[in-house]
Protein backbone atom coordinates (compact mmCIF):
# COMPACT_ATOMS: atom_id res chain seq x y z
CA MET A 1 86.26 107.65 109.25
CA ALA A 2 84.90 107.14 112.87
CA ARG A 3 83.11 104.76 112.59
CA PRO A 4 85.44 101.80 111.25
CA LEU A 5 87.39 102.85 113.64
CA THR A 6 85.02 102.40 116.44
CA THR A 7 84.18 99.50 114.89
CA LEU A 8 88.23 98.12 114.72
CA LEU A 9 88.61 99.11 118.40
CA ALA A 10 85.21 96.88 119.03
CA VAL A 11 86.35 94.39 117.26
CA LEU A 12 90.03 94.21 118.70
CA ALA A 13 88.27 94.55 122.22
CA LEU A 14 85.94 91.15 121.47
CA ALA A 15 88.88 89.17 120.35
CA ALA A 16 90.70 90.22 123.76
CA SER A 17 87.90 89.21 125.38
CA ALA A 18 87.57 85.90 123.55
CA THR A 19 91.51 85.65 124.32
CA ALA A 20 90.87 85.89 127.82
CA SER A 21 88.35 83.56 128.17
CA ALA A 22 90.42 80.75 126.37
CA ASP A 23 92.93 81.09 128.50
CA GLN A 24 90.59 80.06 131.61
CA ARG A 25 90.89 76.72 133.25
CA THR A 26 87.80 75.20 135.26
CA LEU A 27 88.56 73.03 138.56
CA THR A 28 85.68 70.44 139.22
CA LEU A 29 86.38 68.67 142.21
CA ASP A 30 85.04 65.24 142.78
CA PRO A 31 83.57 65.20 146.34
CA ALA A 32 84.06 61.38 146.69
CA ARG A 33 87.89 62.46 146.70
CA THR A 34 87.92 65.87 148.61
CA THR A 35 87.42 66.11 152.41
CA ALA A 36 87.10 69.55 154.95
CA SER A 37 88.85 68.49 158.30
CA PHE A 38 89.36 70.67 161.48
CA THR A 39 91.33 70.29 164.66
CA LEU A 40 90.72 72.50 167.63
CA GLY A 41 92.96 72.32 170.58
CA ALA A 42 91.25 72.05 174.00
CA THR A 43 92.45 71.92 177.85
CA LEU A 44 92.82 67.95 178.17
CA HIS A 45 92.28 67.00 174.50
CA THR A 46 92.60 67.82 170.82
CA VAL A 47 89.41 67.48 168.82
CA HIS A 48 89.78 65.88 165.45
CA GLY A 49 86.45 66.49 163.18
CA SER A 50 85.70 66.10 159.49
CA ALA A 51 83.15 67.14 157.18
CA PRO A 52 82.11 66.41 153.73
CA VAL A 53 82.43 68.58 150.35
CA ALA A 54 79.52 68.57 148.71
CA ARG A 55 80.57 69.98 145.67
CA GLY A 56 83.71 72.63 144.78
CA VAL A 57 83.61 74.35 140.89
CA ILE A 58 86.33 76.95 140.47
CA VAL A 59 87.37 79.08 137.29
CA PHE A 60 90.70 80.56 137.22
CA ASP A 61 93.27 82.04 135.08
CA PRO A 62 96.64 79.70 134.79
CA ASP A 63 98.71 82.71 135.33
CA GLY A 64 97.02 84.24 137.72
CA GLY A 65 94.60 86.92 138.46
CA ALA A 66 90.24 87.02 138.77
CA ALA A 67 88.88 83.69 139.98
CA SER A 68 85.25 82.56 141.10
CA GLY A 69 83.31 79.65 142.13
CA GLU A 70 83.13 77.92 145.29
CA ILE A 71 83.64 74.90 147.43
CA THR A 72 80.41 74.25 149.41
CA VAL A 73 80.67 72.25 152.88
CA ASP A 74 77.83 70.05 154.20
CA ALA A 75 78.03 71.72 157.73
CA ASN A 76 75.08 69.49 158.18
CA ARG A 77 77.09 66.51 158.35
CA ALA A 78 80.70 67.91 160.37
CA ASP A 79 81.47 65.21 162.81
CA THR A 80 83.95 64.89 165.51
CA GLY A 81 83.23 61.25 167.00
CA SER A 82 81.17 62.26 170.42
CA ALA A 83 77.47 62.93 169.83
CA LYS A 84 77.22 65.16 173.17
CA ARG A 85 80.33 67.24 171.68
CA ASP A 86 78.72 67.27 167.93
CA ARG A 87 74.99 68.30 169.20
CA GLU A 88 76.74 71.00 171.22
CA MET A 89 78.59 72.17 167.60
CA HIS A 90 75.45 72.24 165.40
CA GLU A 91 73.37 74.27 168.25
CA ASN A 92 75.84 76.30 169.15
CA VAL A 93 78.72 77.00 167.05
CA LEU A 94 78.11 75.92 163.78
CA VAL A 95 74.08 76.62 164.07
CA SER A 96 73.88 74.00 161.59
CA ALA A 97 69.75 73.82 161.03
CA ARG A 98 70.35 77.32 160.37
CA HIS A 99 73.01 77.12 157.87
CA PRO A 100 73.47 74.09 156.68
CA THR A 101 76.68 74.78 154.65
CA ILE A 102 79.93 76.65 154.35
CA VAL A 103 81.00 78.06 151.25
CA LEU A 104 84.52 79.01 150.32
CA ARG A 105 84.50 81.36 147.00
CA PRO A 106 87.38 82.54 145.57
CA THR A 107 87.87 85.74 143.87
CA ARG A 108 91.33 86.33 143.29
CA VAL A 109 94.82 83.43 142.72
CA GLU A 110 98.45 84.49 142.86
CA GLY A 111 100.66 82.21 141.35
CA ARG A 112 101.05 80.08 138.09
CA LEU A 113 99.72 76.84 137.31
CA PRO A 114 102.16 74.76 135.51
CA GLU A 115 101.10 72.70 132.79
CA ALA A 116 102.53 69.36 135.12
CA GLY A 117 103.87 68.93 138.44
CA THR A 118 103.44 70.79 141.91
CA THR A 119 103.34 74.69 143.01
CA THR A 120 101.83 76.46 145.51
CA LEU A 121 99.20 79.13 144.95
CA THR A 122 97.91 82.01 146.78
CA VAL A 123 94.07 82.07 147.09
CA HIS A 124 92.32 84.83 148.12
CA GLY A 125 88.38 85.26 148.69
CA THR A 126 85.70 84.94 151.63
CA ILE A 127 83.99 81.96 153.84
CA GLU A 128 80.93 82.05 154.43
CA LEU A 129 80.50 81.13 157.82
CA VAL A 130 76.85 80.48 160.37
CA GLY A 131 75.19 83.44 157.42
CA ARG A 132 78.28 85.54 157.29
CA GLN A 133 81.30 86.24 155.09
CA HIS A 134 85.00 87.11 155.83
CA GLU A 135 87.17 87.71 153.70
CA ILE A 136 90.58 84.93 153.96
CA THR A 137 93.89 84.02 152.49
CA VAL A 138 94.84 80.59 151.99
CA PRO A 139 98.21 79.02 150.39
CA VAL A 140 97.17 76.11 148.63
CA GLU A 141 99.29 73.15 146.82
CA VAL A 142 98.30 72.01 143.82
CA ALA A 143 99.93 68.74 141.92
CA VAL A 144 99.26 68.83 138.07
CA THR A 145 98.89 65.41 136.34
CA GLN A 146 97.24 66.00 132.60
CA ASP A 147 94.04 67.04 133.54
CA GLU A 148 94.25 65.44 136.86
CA VAL A 149 94.26 67.99 140.05
CA THR A 150 95.30 67.45 143.21
CA ILE A 151 95.27 69.95 146.05
CA ARG A 152 95.51 70.68 149.69
CA ALA A 153 95.07 73.90 151.56
CA GLU A 154 95.57 74.36 155.38
CA PHE A 155 94.44 77.49 157.41
CA ASP A 156 93.55 79.28 160.82
CA LEU A 157 89.49 80.19 161.39
CA PRO A 158 89.36 82.61 164.29
CA TYR A 159 86.09 81.58 164.69
CA VAL A 160 85.24 83.26 168.19
CA GLU A 161 86.50 86.65 167.03
CA TRP A 162 84.36 86.26 163.99
CA GLY A 163 80.87 86.16 166.22
CA LEU A 164 81.08 82.08 166.84
CA HIS A 165 80.32 81.25 169.96
CA ASP A 166 83.01 80.00 172.53
CA PRO A 167 82.02 76.35 173.65
CA SER A 168 84.58 76.78 176.40
CA ALA A 169 83.32 76.10 180.18
CA PHE A 170 84.72 76.26 183.51
CA LEU A 171 87.09 73.70 183.29
CA LEU A 172 87.22 72.91 179.51
CA LYS A 173 89.41 75.67 177.63
CA VAL A 174 89.23 75.65 173.77
CA ASP A 175 91.32 77.40 171.46
CA ARG A 176 90.02 80.74 169.98
CA PHE A 177 90.51 79.19 166.72
CA VAL A 178 90.25 76.05 164.28
CA THR A 179 92.54 74.79 162.11
CA VAL A 180 91.06 73.62 158.74
CA ALA A 181 92.36 71.21 156.21
CA VAL A 182 90.77 70.85 152.94
CA ALA A 183 92.34 68.17 150.80
CA GLY A 184 90.90 66.81 147.36
CA ALA A 185 91.40 65.73 144.03
CA GLY A 186 89.50 66.72 140.33
CA THR A 187 89.75 67.34 137.19
CA LEU A 188 91.12 70.42 134.51
CA SER A 189 89.41 71.52 131.94
CA ALA A 190 89.85 74.46 129.34
CA GLY A 191 87.81 77.36 129.59
CA PRO A 192 84.89 78.63 132.04
CA ASP A 193 81.98 75.97 132.46
CA SER A 194 78.50 77.64 132.54
CA ALA A 195 76.67 74.63 133.09
CA THR A 196 79.00 73.87 136.24
CA GLU A 197 79.53 77.07 137.88
CA PRO A 198 77.54 77.76 140.68
CA PRO A 199 75.75 80.98 140.90
CA ARG A 200 76.33 83.44 143.59
CA SER A 201 73.12 85.00 145.64
CA ALA A 202 73.01 87.89 147.27
CA GLN A 203 75.31 87.82 150.08
CA ASP A 204 76.08 90.05 153.19
CA GLN A 205 79.20 91.78 152.91
CA PRO A 206 82.56 90.46 154.31
CA GLN A 207 83.08 91.07 157.97
CA PRO A 208 87.29 91.81 158.78
């Protein structure tokens, strides 16, 4: 009698797992329609820059919960419109020759994604910056129209506190945090897609 009961429990567990998987959604961002921009306050002026998004695939439950995937930003192509300033940024702050990407990895989503319309979700996860991971929480505005999705998120990164180089000089003082905005568009599909979900390599533990 124990064996049939065990078999029944195993079948129920598999059915529950299949239902949870079927409820998942995959958001695939279009790099051509997605950008990451940043703003850095300084003594005499505000610096504006941008960097292209190389790829973005996020797997999540529309009712909230665990999430996976990543959004990869091409740090090598970060640009502020000034050759001298960009050289300082790439060589001393982003160290992009050694760390060519900045990667956002969601781990959990709070909120419910509507079938259509606009909402704000709270995304918890990590950002890999100059080879180290840091925990972040980001409010994300999401608009859904059929299988099309647009997103916009804005958040501050305390880069100096996280150990990155402070570019302030004797006469030039810059903020110790940078404001990042990610705006993009993509498609929404049912279920996780193992072909597009990015592999996760071993990384350093998140830093406080």
